C-alpha atoms as a PDB file:
ATOM      1  CA  MET A   1     -17.156  -7.470   1.612  1.00  0.00           C
ATOM      2  CA  ILE A   2     -14.319  -4.940   1.335  1.00  0.00           C
ATOM      3  CA  LYS A   3     -11.516  -6.282  -1.172  1.00  0.00           C
ATOM      4  CA  LYS A   4      -8.328  -6.744   0.678  1.00  0.00           C
ATOM      5  CA  ASP A   5      -6.264  -5.422  -2.165  1.00  0.00           C
ATOM      6  CA  LEU A   6      -8.249  -2.084  -1.836  1.00  0.00           C
ATOM      7  CA  LEU A   7      -7.420  -1.962   1.944  1.00  0.00           C
ATOM      8  CA  LYS A   8      -3.949  -2.837   1.458  1.00  0.00           C
ATOM      9  CA  ALA A   9      -3.636  -0.110  -1.243  1.00  0.00           C
ATOM     10  CA  ALA A  10      -5.097   2.645   1.166  1.00  0.00           C
ATOM     11  CA  ALA A  11      -2.804   1.334   4.019  1.00  0.00           C
ATOM     12  CA  GLU A  12       0.162   1.856   1.793  1.00  0.00           C
ATOM     13  CA  ILE A  13      -0.797   5.416   0.945  1.00  0.00           C
ATOM     14  CA  VAL A  14      -1.434   6.272   4.505  1.00  0.00           C
ATOM     15  CA  ASN A  15       1.747   4.566   5.746  1.00  0.00           C
ATOM     16  CA  GLN A  16       4.097   5.696   2.894  1.00  0.00           C
ATOM     17  CA  LYS A  17       7.588   6.604   4.343  1.00  0.00           C
ATOM     18  CA  ASN A  18       8.980   8.210   1.247  1.00  0.00           C
ATOM     19  CA  PRO A  19       7.122  11.442   0.241  1.00  0.00           C
ATOM     20  CA  LYS A  20       9.432  11.736  -2.792  1.00  0.00           C
ATOM     21  CA  LYS A  21       7.454   8.741  -4.261  1.00  0.00           C
ATOM     22  CA  ASN A  22       4.306  10.641  -3.903  1.00  0.00           C
ATOM     23  CA  LYS A  23       3.890  13.250  -6.615  1.00  0.00           C
ATOM     24  CA  TYR A  24       1.603  15.317  -4.076  1.00  0.00           C
ATOM     25  CA  GLY A  25       4.205  15.420  -1.376  1.00  0.00           C
ATOM     26  CA  GLU A  26       3.762  14.504   2.356  1.00  0.00           C
ATOM     27  CA  ALA A  27       0.151  14.044   3.427  1.00  0.00           C
ATOM     28  CA  ASP A  28       0.347  15.620   6.643  1.00  0.00           C
ATOM     29  CA  ARG A  29       1.879  18.730   5.188  1.00  0.00           C
ATOM     30  CA  ASN A  30      -1.033  18.932   2.374  1.00  0.00           C
ATOM     31  CA  PHE A  31      -3.709  18.558   4.961  1.00  0.00           C
ATOM     32  CA  GLU A  32      -2.008  21.420   7.122  1.00  0.00           C
ATOM     33  CA  ASP A  33      -1.627  23.486   4.212  1.00  0.00           C
ATOM     34  CA  ALA A  34      -5.355  22.863   3.098  1.00  0.00           C
ATOM     35  CA  GLY A  35      -6.523  23.851   6.454  1.00  0.00           C
ATOM     36  CA  LYS A  36      -4.491  27.179   6.185  1.00  0.00           C
ATOM     37  CA  VAL A  37      -6.118  27.946   2.936  1.00  0.00           C
ATOM     38  CA  ALA A  38      -9.441  27.000   3.992  1.00  0.00           C
ATOM     39  CA  SER A  39      -8.942  29.089   7.178  1.00  0.00           C
ATOM     40  CA  ILE A  40      -8.256  32.234   4.926  1.00  0.00           C
ATOM     41  CA  LEU A  41     -11.009  31.598   2.712  1.00  0.00           C
ATOM     42  CA  THR A  42     -13.562  31.004   5.568  1.00  0.00           C
ATOM     43  CA  ASN A  43     -12.127  33.393   8.041  1.00  0.00           C
ATOM     44  CA  GLU A  44     -12.543  30.548  10.452  1.00  0.00           C
ATOM     45  CA  LYS A  45     -10.011  28.150  11.952  1.00  0.00           C
ATOM     46  CA  VAL A  46      -9.881  24.913   9.768  1.00  0.00           C
ATOM     47  CA  THR A  47      -7.929  22.166  11.026  1.00  0.00           C
ATOM     48  CA  PRO A  48      -6.313  19.387   8.958  1.00  0.00           C
ATOM     49  CA  LYS A  49      -8.749  16.770  10.756  1.00  0.00           C
ATOM     50  CA  MET A  50     -11.671  18.976   9.711  1.00  0.00           C
ATOM     51  CA  ILE A  51     -10.156  18.951   6.050  1.00  0.00           C
ATOM     52  CA  ALA A  52     -10.043  14.969   6.220  1.00  0.00           C
ATOM     53  CA  ALA A  53     -13.635  14.987   7.459  1.00  0.00           C
ATOM     54  CA  SER A  54     -14.729  17.164   4.472  1.00  0.00           C
ATOM     55  CA  LEU A  55     -13.058  14.906   2.070  1.00  0.00           C
ATOM     56  CA  ILE A  56     -14.506  11.979   3.531  1.00  0.00           C
ATOM     57  CA  GLY A  57     -17.934  13.544   3.101  1.00  0.00           C
ATOM     58  CA  LEU A  58     -17.216  14.550  -0.430  1.00  0.00           C
ATOM     59  CA  LYS A  59     -16.133  10.965  -1.418  1.00  0.00           C
ATOM     60  CA  ILE A  60     -19.441   9.636   0.406  1.00  0.00           C
ATOM     61  CA  ALA A  61     -21.566  12.187  -1.477  1.00  0.00           C
ATOM     62  CA  ARG A  62     -19.974  11.120  -4.790  1.00  0.00           C
ATOM     63  CA  LEU A  63     -20.480   7.398  -4.237  1.00  0.00           C
ATOM     64  CA  ARG A  64     -24.280   8.014  -4.386  1.00  0.00           C
ATOM     65  CA  LYS A  65     -23.750   8.135  -8.169  1.00  0.00           C
ATOM     66  CA  GLY A  66     -22.536   4.386  -8.183  1.00  0.00           C
ATOM     67  CA  TYR A  67     -19.620   2.257  -7.624  1.00  0.00           C
ATOM     68  CA  HIS A  68     -16.182   3.819  -8.278  1.00  0.00           C
ATOM     69  CA  GLU A  69     -13.121   1.926  -6.890  1.00  0.00           C
ATOM     70  CA  ASP A  70     -10.855   5.064  -6.778  1.00  0.00           C
ATOM     71  CA  SER A  71     -13.549   6.799  -4.742  1.00  0.00           C
ATOM     72  CA  TYR A  72     -13.408   3.976  -2.312  1.00  0.00           C
ATOM     73  CA  LEU A  73      -9.716   4.008  -2.187  1.00  0.00           C
ATOM     74  CA  ASP A  74      -9.625   7.607  -1.593  1.00  0.00           C
ATOM     75  CA  LEU A  75     -12.212   7.407   1.022  1.00  0.00           C
ATOM     76  CA  LEU A  76     -10.398   4.744   2.957  1.00  0.00           C
ATOM     77  CA  ALA A  77      -7.153   6.882   2.709  1.00  0.00           C
ATOM     78  CA  TYR A  78      -8.862   9.755   4.078  1.00  0.00           C
ATOM     79  CA  ILE A  79     -10.158   7.790   7.052  1.00  0.00           C
ATOM     80  CA  GLY A  80      -6.575   6.395   7.564  1.00  0.00           C
ATOM     81  CA  PHE A  81      -5.095   9.656   7.478  1.00  0.00           C
ATOM     82  CA  MET A  82      -7.671  11.005  10.007  1.00  0.00           C
ATOM     83  CA  GLU A  83      -7.024   8.150  12.352  1.00  0.00           C
ATOM     84  CA  LYS A  84      -3.342   8.892  11.932  1.00  0.00           C
ATOM     85  CA  MET A  85      -3.894  12.546  12.915  1.00  0.00           C
ATOM     86  CA  GLU A  86      -6.173  11.424  16.179  1.00  0.00           C
ATOM     87  CA  TYR A  87      -3.360   8.772  17.123  1.00  0.00           C
ATOM     88  CA  LYS A  88      -0.419  11.498  16.971  1.00  0.00           C
ATOM     89  CA  ASN A  89      -2.686  13.960  18.905  1.00  0.00           C
ATOM     90  CA  PHE A  90      -3.308  11.225  21.400  1.00  0.00           C
ATOM     91  CA  LEU A  91       0.366  10.466  21.867  1.00  0.00           C
ATOM     92  CA  ASP A  92       1.235  14.261  22.101  1.00  0.00           C
ATOM     93  CA  LEU A  93      -1.629  14.994  24.556  1.00  0.00           C
ATOM     94  CA  TYR A  94      -0.464  12.155  26.902  1.00  0.00           C
ATOM     95  CA  ASP A  95       3.424  12.625  25.981  1.00  0.00           C
ATOM     96  CA  VAL A  96       3.694   9.045  25.139  1.00  0.00           C
ATOM     97  CA  GLU A  97       6.647   7.659  22.714  1.00  0.00           C
ATOM     98  CA  ASN A  98       5.599   6.276  19.536  1.00  0.00           C
ATOM     99  CA  LYS A  99       7.393   2.724  19.350  1.00  0.00           C
END
């Protein structure tokens, strides 16, 4: 069973409203920038969603070595960010207001 505090912590990371409190800045911007860098390095188009998927894969691969709570927290947060990107794409695609 997933610990509720782990889910809560991941949700707080994903839904953080004040990027100044996050030493890494805004997650959306970081995923966009990482996609741009990866695109340059690979000479292929790499989207923010692909970055999130790669990080999810990395965390799952690392978890083969044993239980690490911080890896599960990161994994849940990356899944949350990916869902947030998909939801925003859905809203943009269908021109729906996010209320």
